Amino acid sequence: MIKKLSMVLILAMLFSVMSFVAAAAPVPVTVQNVWFNGREVLSGEIRGDILRGDTLEVEVKLIANASSDDVRVAVDMQGDDRADIDERTEAFSVEAGKVYYKKVTLNLPDNLDLRTGAEYIVHIEVSNRRDERVTKEFVLKVDTPRHAVEINDVIFNPGLTVEAGRSLLASVRVENNGEKDEENVKVALTL
C-alpha cells in the first residue's frame, strides 16, 4: 500500500514538473526583424530620433517554427511612471514555416519625462494562450521637440452666448512642452 501511494506521489510530482517545464517553453516563433517607424532596429542599438508626442509604429517580422493558435504581439514602453504606453495585436494563428508581419502603433504622450534624451525600454512580447512567450527589448531615447507650445484649455465668460453691448472674456491655458523657453507668446481670438 505504501509503495502504491509513494508511486502515485512520484507520478504526481513528475506531471507537475513536466507541466511547469511546458509552461516555460517559448511560443514557437522567431522574432526575425523589428522596425521603428519604417527603419530596422538592431539588438543593442539605441534609437534617438523619436520625439515626445510622436507616433511610434513598431513592425515585427515573425517566422513560425511550429503551428500555434491565439498568438498575440504586445508592445509596451517602460521608463515613465506617469504614462502606460502599450498596445497589442488581435489574436492570430501561425503555421509552421510561414512568415508573418505584425504592426503595433504607440502614441507617445507630450508630457513624457522632461529630461532631454530620456531613455525608455521598448518591450516586445509574442505570446499565446498557453502562456508561452518570446520577448525582445530595445532602448529608445526620446527627445523633446525644440518648440512645442499647445493650447490646453479655453474658458469663455459668461459663456458661449454674448448679449448685445456686453463683453466676452476668455481665459486661455497654454503649455510649453518644448525644449526651449518661449518669449512674447501671443494668443489671438477671432470670431
Protein backbone atom coordinates (compact mmCIF):
# COMPACT_ATOMS: atom_id res chain seq x y z
CA MET A 1 0.00 0.00 0.00
CA ILE A 2 2.80 2.41 0.90
CA LYS A 3 4.62 1.55 -2.33
CA LYS A 4 1.49 2.34 -4.38
CA LEU A 5 0.96 5.61 -2.53
CA SER A 6 4.58 6.66 -2.99
CA MET A 7 4.40 5.70 -6.67
CA VAL A 8 1.28 7.90 -7.10
CA LEU A 9 3.02 10.80 -5.34
CA ILE A 10 6.11 10.43 -7.54
CA LEU A 11 3.95 10.39 -10.69
CA ALA A 12 2.02 13.46 -9.50
CA MET A 13 5.27 15.31 -8.84
CA LEU A 14 6.62 14.27 -12.24
CA PHE A 15 3.49 15.55 -14.02
CA SER A 16 3.63 18.87 -12.13
CA VAL A 17 7.30 19.33 -13.06
CA MET A 18 6.54 18.47 -16.70
CA SER A 19 3.63 20.93 -16.82
CA PHE A 20 5.87 23.64 -15.32
CA VAL A 21 8.52 22.98 -17.96
CA ALA A 22 5.87 23.05 -20.71
CA ALA A 23 4.53 26.38 -19.42
CA ALA A 24 8.01 27.90 -19.51
CA ALA A 25 8.60 26.92 -23.16
CA PRO A 26 8.72 29.75 -25.73
CA VAL A 27 5.94 30.28 -28.24
CA PRO A 28 7.04 28.56 -31.46
CA VAL A 29 8.04 31.71 -33.38
CA THR A 30 11.27 33.54 -34.00
CA VAL A 31 11.36 37.35 -33.98
CA GLN A 32 13.40 37.90 -37.14
CA ASN A 33 13.36 41.71 -37.55
CA VAL A 34 11.93 44.78 -35.81
CA TRP A 35 11.31 48.21 -37.35
CA PHE A 36 10.55 51.51 -35.60
CA ASN A 37 8.78 53.95 -37.95
CA GLY A 38 9.95 52.02 -41.00
CA ARG A 39 13.63 51.74 -40.00
CA GLU A 40 15.13 48.46 -38.83
CA VAL A 41 16.37 48.34 -35.24
CA LEU A 42 19.24 46.03 -34.36
CA SER A 43 19.78 44.45 -30.97
CA GLY A 44 21.88 46.72 -28.75
CA GLU A 45 21.21 49.77 -30.93
CA ILE A 46 19.79 52.89 -29.26
CA ARG A 47 17.33 54.80 -31.45
CA GLY A 48 17.50 58.53 -30.82
CA ASP A 49 15.30 60.11 -33.49
CA ILE A 50 11.95 59.89 -31.66
CA LEU A 51 10.31 62.95 -30.09
CA ARG A 52 7.75 63.32 -27.32
CA GLY A 53 4.27 63.42 -28.84
CA ASP A 54 5.32 61.33 -31.86
CA THR A 55 3.66 58.15 -33.01
CA LEU A 56 5.91 55.09 -32.82
CA GLU A 57 4.97 52.40 -35.32
CA VAL A 58 6.54 49.08 -34.34
CA GLU A 59 6.58 46.35 -37.01
CA VAL A 60 7.70 42.82 -36.15
CA LYS A 61 8.64 40.05 -38.61
CA LEU A 62 7.87 36.61 -37.18
CA ILE A 63 8.87 33.20 -38.54
CA ALA A 64 6.70 30.34 -37.26
CA ASN A 65 8.69 27.29 -36.16
CA ALA A 66 5.51 25.31 -35.49
CA SER A 67 1.77 25.89 -35.68
CA SER A 68 0.10 27.71 -32.80
CA ASP A 69 -3.23 29.38 -32.10
CA ASP A 70 -4.13 32.61 -30.30
CA VAL A 71 -0.76 34.27 -30.83
CA ARG A 72 -0.51 37.97 -29.93
CA VAL A 73 2.18 40.60 -30.26
CA ALA A 74 2.24 43.08 -27.38
CA VAL A 75 4.46 46.17 -27.28
CA ASP A 76 4.93 48.39 -24.26
CA MET A 77 7.28 51.22 -23.41
CA GLN A 78 8.69 51.42 -19.89
CA GLY A 79 10.52 54.26 -18.25
CA ASP A 80 7.87 56.81 -17.24
CA ASP A 81 5.67 56.10 -14.23
CA ARG A 82 3.09 58.69 -15.28
CA ALA A 83 2.01 57.01 -18.51
CA ASP A 84 1.00 53.50 -19.55
CA ILE A 85 2.18 53.14 -23.12
CA ASP A 86 1.21 49.76 -24.52
CA GLU A 87 -0.70 48.18 -27.37
CA ARG A 88 -1.27 44.67 -28.71
CA THR A 89 -2.49 42.93 -31.85
CA GLU A 90 -5.60 40.86 -32.16
CA ALA A 91 -5.09 37.12 -31.69
CA PHE A 92 -3.94 35.25 -34.80
CA SER A 93 -2.81 31.74 -35.74
CA VAL A 94 0.56 30.78 -37.21
CA GLU A 95 1.54 27.83 -39.40
CA ALA A 96 4.98 26.25 -39.35
CA GLY A 97 7.42 27.68 -41.88
CA LYS A 98 5.39 30.81 -42.71
CA VAL A 99 6.38 34.45 -42.22
CA TYR A 100 4.13 36.99 -40.50
CA TYR A 101 4.39 40.78 -40.26
CA LYS A 102 2.55 42.49 -37.39
CA LYS A 103 2.28 46.23 -36.69
CA VAL A 104 1.53 47.95 -33.41
CA THR A 105 1.27 51.73 -33.01
CA LEU A 106 2.22 53.51 -29.77
CA ASN A 107 1.19 57.13 -29.20
CA LEU A 108 3.84 58.83 -27.11
CA PRO A 109 2.42 61.48 -24.75
CA ASP A 110 3.56 65.09 -24.98
CA ASN A 111 4.46 65.10 -21.30
CA LEU A 112 6.93 62.23 -21.13
CA ASP A 113 9.84 62.68 -18.75
CA LEU A 114 11.08 66.27 -19.10
CA ARG A 115 14.75 65.34 -19.06
CA THR A 116 16.15 65.80 -22.54
CA GLY A 117 17.31 62.50 -24.00
CA ALA A 118 15.44 60.28 -21.53
CA GLU A 119 15.81 56.60 -22.37
CA TYR A 120 12.95 54.10 -22.44
CA ILE A 121 12.75 50.33 -22.87
CA VAL A 122 10.51 49.11 -25.68
CA HIS A 123 9.48 45.60 -24.69
CA ILE A 124 8.08 43.32 -27.43
CA GLU A 125 6.39 40.12 -26.32
CA VAL A 126 4.93 37.40 -28.54
CA SER A 127 2.70 35.06 -26.52
CA ASN A 128 -0.05 32.51 -26.92
CA ARG A 129 -2.90 31.03 -24.88
CA ARG A 130 -0.64 28.51 -23.10
CA ASP A 131 1.37 31.37 -21.61
CA GLU A 132 4.34 30.59 -23.83
CA ARG A 133 6.26 33.72 -24.76
CA VAL A 134 9.19 35.16 -26.68
CA THR A 135 10.49 38.62 -25.76
CA LYS A 136 12.81 41.25 -27.22
CA GLU A 137 13.83 44.59 -25.73
CA PHE A 138 15.19 47.72 -27.36
CA VAL A 139 16.37 51.03 -25.94
CA LEU A 140 14.69 54.15 -27.24
CA LYS A 141 15.98 57.64 -26.47
CA VAL A 142 13.09 60.09 -26.58
CA ASP A 143 13.97 63.73 -27.17
CA THR A 144 12.00 66.89 -26.68
CA PRO A 145 10.95 68.99 -29.68
CA ARG A 146 12.55 72.45 -29.67
CA HIS A 147 9.22 74.26 -29.94
CA ALA A 148 6.02 72.65 -28.68
CA VAL A 149 3.57 75.24 -27.40
CA GLU A 150 -0.01 73.99 -27.14
CA ILE A 151 -3.34 75.45 -26.09
CA ASN A 152 -4.69 73.16 -23.39
CA ASP A 153 -7.94 74.90 -22.49
CA VAL A 154 -10.10 77.91 -23.36
CA ILE A 155 -12.76 79.19 -20.97
CA PHE A 156 -15.33 81.80 -22.07
CA ASN A 157 -17.09 84.02 -19.56
CA PRO A 158 -20.14 84.49 -19.33
CA GLY A 159 -20.46 81.52 -21.73
CA LEU A 160 -20.76 80.97 -25.45
CA THR A 161 -23.67 83.41 -25.84
CA VAL A 162 -22.93 87.15 -25.73
CA GLU A 163 -25.68 89.72 -25.39
CA ALA A 164 -25.51 92.93 -27.41
CA GLY A 165 -23.39 95.56 -25.68
CA ARG A 166 -21.76 93.04 -23.33
CA SER A 167 -18.19 91.83 -23.34
CA LEU A 168 -16.81 88.32 -23.67
CA LEU A 169 -13.83 87.33 -21.54
CA ALA A 170 -11.60 84.41 -22.46
CA SER A 171 -9.03 82.61 -20.34
CA VAL A 172 -6.53 80.56 -22.31
CA ARG A 173 -4.26 77.96 -20.72
CA VAL A 174 -1.07 77.43 -22.74
CA GLU A 175 1.53 74.73 -22.05
CA ASN A 176 5.11 74.64 -23.30
CA ASN A 177 6.27 71.04 -23.73
CA GLY A 178 9.24 72.13 -25.84
CA GLU A 179 12.93 72.21 -25.10
CA LYS A 180 13.30 76.00 -25.37
CA ASP A 181 11.68 78.75 -23.32
CA GLU A 182 9.26 80.77 -25.42
CA GLU A 183 9.18 84.54 -25.18
CA ASN A 184 6.49 87.01 -26.30
CA VAL A 185 3.81 84.33 -26.68
CA LYS A 186 0.62 85.91 -28.02
CA VAL A 187 -2.84 84.37 -28.13
CA ALA A 188 -5.37 85.90 -30.54
CA LEU A 189 -9.09 85.10 -30.51
CA THR A 190 -11.23 85.88 -33.54
CA LEU A 191 -14.93 85.47 -34.19
